[in-house]
C-alpha cells in the first residue's frame, strides 16, 4: 500500500467561504505557492508556510491541513 501526503487547502477555504487568493493574502504566502499546495503539486512543504496557514485559518490541529492517505 502506497501512502501519500494530502494538503487539504481547497476544502478548508471552501468551508470558510474564502478563496485561495484570500488565504494567500491572510497568510502572506505567494498565491502561486498556495495554489500549488492546494493542488498537491508541491513536493516539498515549507513548515513555516503551514504555520502561517494555520494562523490565518485559526487551526490548532495540523491534521485539518495535512493528511496521510
N, C-alpha and C. Protein backbone atom coordinates (compact mmCIF):
# COMPACT_ATOMS: atom_id res chain seq x y z
N UNK A 1 0.85 -1.18 0.00
CA UNK A 1 0.00 0.00 0.00
C UNK A 1 0.89 1.25 0.00
N UNK A 2 0.66 2.13 -0.94
CA UNK A 2 1.45 3.35 -1.04
C UNK A 2 0.71 4.48 -0.32
N UNK A 3 1.44 5.17 0.54
CA UNK A 3 0.85 6.29 1.27
C UNK A 3 1.22 7.59 0.58
N UNK A 4 0.34 8.57 0.71
CA UNK A 4 0.57 9.86 0.08
C UNK A 4 0.10 10.97 1.02
N UNK A 5 0.89 12.03 1.10
CA UNK A 5 0.51 13.19 1.90
C UNK A 5 -0.46 14.04 1.10
N UNK A 6 -1.55 14.43 1.72
CA UNK A 6 -2.57 15.26 1.07
C UNK A 6 -2.68 16.58 1.83
N UNK A 7 -2.61 17.68 1.09
CA UNK A 7 -2.82 19.00 1.67
C UNK A 7 -4.27 19.39 1.36
N UNK A 8 -5.02 19.76 2.37
CA UNK A 8 -6.47 19.94 2.23
C UNK A 8 -6.90 21.42 2.15
N UNK A 9 -6.14 22.24 1.46
CA UNK A 9 -6.46 23.67 1.43
C UNK A 9 -7.76 23.98 0.72
N UNK A 10 -8.06 23.29 -0.38
CA UNK A 10 -9.30 23.58 -1.11
C UNK A 10 -10.52 23.38 -0.20
N UNK A 11 -10.55 22.30 0.51
CA UNK A 11 -11.67 22.03 1.41
C UNK A 11 -11.74 23.08 2.52
N UNK A 12 -10.59 23.44 3.06
CA UNK A 12 -10.55 24.41 4.16
C UNK A 12 -11.07 25.78 3.72
N UNK A 13 -10.63 26.24 2.55
CA UNK A 13 -11.11 27.56 2.11
C UNK A 13 -12.58 27.50 1.72
N UNK A 14 -13.01 26.39 1.12
CA UNK A 14 -14.44 26.23 0.79
C UNK A 14 -15.29 26.27 2.06
N UNK A 15 -14.84 25.56 3.09
CA UNK A 15 -15.58 25.52 4.35
C UNK A 15 -15.69 26.90 4.99
N UNK A 16 -14.68 27.73 4.76
CA UNK A 16 -14.65 29.06 5.37
C UNK A 16 -15.18 30.16 4.44
N UNK A 17 -15.52 29.78 3.22
CA UNK A 17 -16.08 30.74 2.28
C UNK A 17 -15.10 31.80 1.80
N UNK A 18 -13.83 31.42 1.68
CA UNK A 18 -12.84 32.35 1.15
C UNK A 18 -12.16 31.70 -0.05
N UNK A 19 -11.40 32.48 -0.77
CA UNK A 19 -10.68 31.98 -1.94
C UNK A 19 -9.24 31.63 -1.56
N UNK A 20 -8.59 30.91 -2.46
CA UNK A 20 -7.17 30.62 -2.26
C UNK A 20 -6.37 31.91 -2.28
N UNK A 21 -6.77 32.86 -3.11
CA UNK A 21 -6.09 34.15 -3.17
C UNK A 21 -6.21 34.88 -1.83
N UNK A 22 -7.38 34.80 -1.21
CA UNK A 22 -7.58 35.43 0.10
C UNK A 22 -6.73 34.73 1.15
N UNK A 23 -6.64 33.41 1.08
CA UNK A 23 -5.78 32.68 2.01
C UNK A 23 -4.33 33.11 1.83
N UNK A 24 -3.90 33.29 0.59
CA UNK A 24 -2.53 33.74 0.33
C UNK A 24 -2.31 35.11 0.97
N UNK A 25 -3.28 35.99 0.84
CA UNK A 25 -3.16 37.33 1.44
C UNK A 25 -3.11 37.24 2.96
N UNK A 26 -4.00 36.46 3.55
CA UNK A 26 -4.07 36.34 5.01
C UNK A 26 -2.82 35.69 5.60
N UNK A 27 -2.23 34.77 4.86
CA UNK A 27 -1.06 34.05 5.37
C UNK A 27 0.26 34.64 4.90
N UNK A 28 0.18 35.64 4.05
CA UNK A 28 1.37 36.29 3.49
C UNK A 28 2.28 35.28 2.78
N UNK A 29 1.63 34.47 1.94
CA UNK A 29 2.33 33.48 1.11
C UNK A 29 1.98 33.78 -0.34
N UNK A 30 2.94 33.65 -1.22
CA UNK A 30 2.70 33.90 -2.64
C UNK A 30 1.52 33.07 -3.13
N UNK A 31 0.60 33.69 -3.88
CA UNK A 31 -0.57 32.94 -4.39
C UNK A 31 -0.18 31.69 -5.19
N UNK A 32 0.91 31.75 -5.94
CA UNK A 32 1.32 30.57 -6.72
C UNK A 32 1.69 29.40 -5.81
N UNK A 33 2.28 29.70 -4.67
CA UNK A 33 2.64 28.64 -3.72
C UNK A 33 1.38 28.05 -3.09
N UNK A 34 0.44 28.92 -2.71
CA UNK A 34 -0.82 28.43 -2.14
C UNK A 34 -1.55 27.55 -3.15
N UNK A 35 -1.58 27.97 -4.41
CA UNK A 35 -2.24 27.17 -5.45
C UNK A 35 -1.57 25.81 -5.63
N UNK A 36 -0.26 25.79 -5.63
CA UNK A 36 0.44 24.51 -5.76
C UNK A 36 0.19 23.61 -4.56
N UNK A 37 0.16 24.18 -3.37
CA UNK A 37 -0.16 23.38 -2.18
C UNK A 37 -1.59 22.84 -2.27
N UNK A 38 -2.53 23.70 -2.68
CA UNK A 38 -3.93 23.31 -2.76
C UNK A 38 -4.16 22.21 -3.78
N UNK A 39 -3.35 22.20 -4.84
CA UNK A 39 -3.49 21.19 -5.89
C UNK A 39 -2.52 20.03 -5.71
N UNK A 40 -1.89 19.98 -4.54
CA UNK A 40 -0.94 18.91 -4.21
C UNK A 40 0.13 18.76 -5.28
N UNK A 41 0.63 19.89 -5.77
CA UNK A 41 1.66 19.91 -6.81
C UNK A 41 3.04 20.19 -6.24
N UNK A 42 3.15 20.46 -4.95
CA UNK A 42 4.46 20.74 -4.35
C UNK A 42 5.00 19.46 -3.75
N UNK A 43 6.25 19.20 -4.01
CA UNK A 43 6.90 18.01 -3.46
C UNK A 43 7.50 18.29 -2.09
N UNK A 44 7.87 19.55 -1.87
CA UNK A 44 8.45 19.95 -0.59
C UNK A 44 7.50 20.92 0.10
N UNK A 45 7.30 20.68 1.37
CA UNK A 45 6.41 21.54 2.15
C UNK A 45 7.25 22.32 3.14
N UNK A 46 7.17 23.62 3.06
CA UNK A 46 7.91 24.52 3.93
C UNK A 46 7.07 24.70 5.20
N UNK A 47 7.55 24.22 6.34
CA UNK A 47 6.76 24.23 7.57
C UNK A 47 6.29 25.62 8.00
N UNK A 48 7.10 26.68 7.84
CA UNK A 48 6.57 28.00 8.18
C UNK A 48 5.33 28.37 7.35
N UNK A 49 5.21 27.87 6.13
CA UNK A 49 4.00 28.12 5.35
C UNK A 49 2.79 27.45 6.01
N UNK A 50 2.98 26.22 6.46
CA UNK A 50 1.87 25.51 7.13
C UNK A 50 1.50 26.25 8.42
N UNK A 51 2.50 26.75 9.13
CA UNK A 51 2.22 27.51 10.36
C UNK A 51 1.43 28.78 10.04
N UNK A 52 1.81 29.49 8.98
CA UNK A 52 1.10 30.72 8.62
C UNK A 52 -0.33 30.43 8.16
N UNK A 53 -0.50 29.33 7.44
CA UNK A 53 -1.85 28.93 7.02
C UNK A 53 -2.69 28.59 8.24
N UNK A 54 -2.12 27.86 9.18
CA UNK A 54 -2.85 27.52 10.41
C UNK A 54 -3.24 28.79 11.17
N UNK A 55 -2.34 29.75 11.26
CA UNK A 55 -2.66 31.02 11.92
C UNK A 55 -3.77 31.76 11.18
N UNK A 56 -3.66 31.82 9.86
CA UNK A 56 -4.65 32.55 9.06
C UNK A 56 -6.04 31.93 9.17
N UNK A 57 -6.10 30.62 9.28
CA UNK A 57 -7.40 29.92 9.34
C UNK A 57 -7.80 29.55 10.76
N UNK A 58 -7.00 29.97 11.75
CA UNK A 58 -7.27 29.68 13.16
C UNK A 58 -7.42 28.17 13.40
N UNK A 59 -6.42 27.43 12.95
CA UNK A 59 -6.41 25.97 13.08
C UNK A 59 -5.37 25.57 14.13
N UNK A 60 -5.78 24.70 15.05
CA UNK A 60 -4.88 24.21 16.09
C UNK A 60 -4.39 22.79 15.84
N UNK A 61 -5.07 22.05 14.99
CA UNK A 61 -4.74 20.65 14.73
C UNK A 61 -4.23 20.51 13.29
N UNK A 62 -2.96 20.18 13.14
CA UNK A 62 -2.35 20.09 11.81
C UNK A 62 -3.05 19.07 10.92
N UNK A 63 -3.72 18.10 11.51
CA UNK A 63 -4.40 17.09 10.69
C UNK A 63 -5.57 17.68 9.91
N UNK A 64 -5.99 18.89 10.25
CA UNK A 64 -7.00 19.57 9.44
C UNK A 64 -6.40 20.04 8.12
N UNK A 65 -5.09 20.27 8.09
CA UNK A 65 -4.41 20.78 6.90
C UNK A 65 -3.75 19.64 6.12
N UNK A 66 -3.07 18.74 6.82
CA UNK A 66 -2.30 17.68 6.20
C UNK A 66 -2.84 16.33 6.63
N UNK A 67 -3.04 15.45 5.64
CA UNK A 67 -3.49 14.08 5.94
C UNK A 67 -2.60 13.09 5.21
N UNK A 68 -2.50 11.93 5.74
CA UNK A 68 -1.79 10.82 5.11
C UNK A 68 -2.82 9.85 4.57
N UNK A 69 -2.79 9.67 3.26
CA UNK A 69 -3.77 8.77 2.62
C UNK A 69 -3.11 7.45 2.27
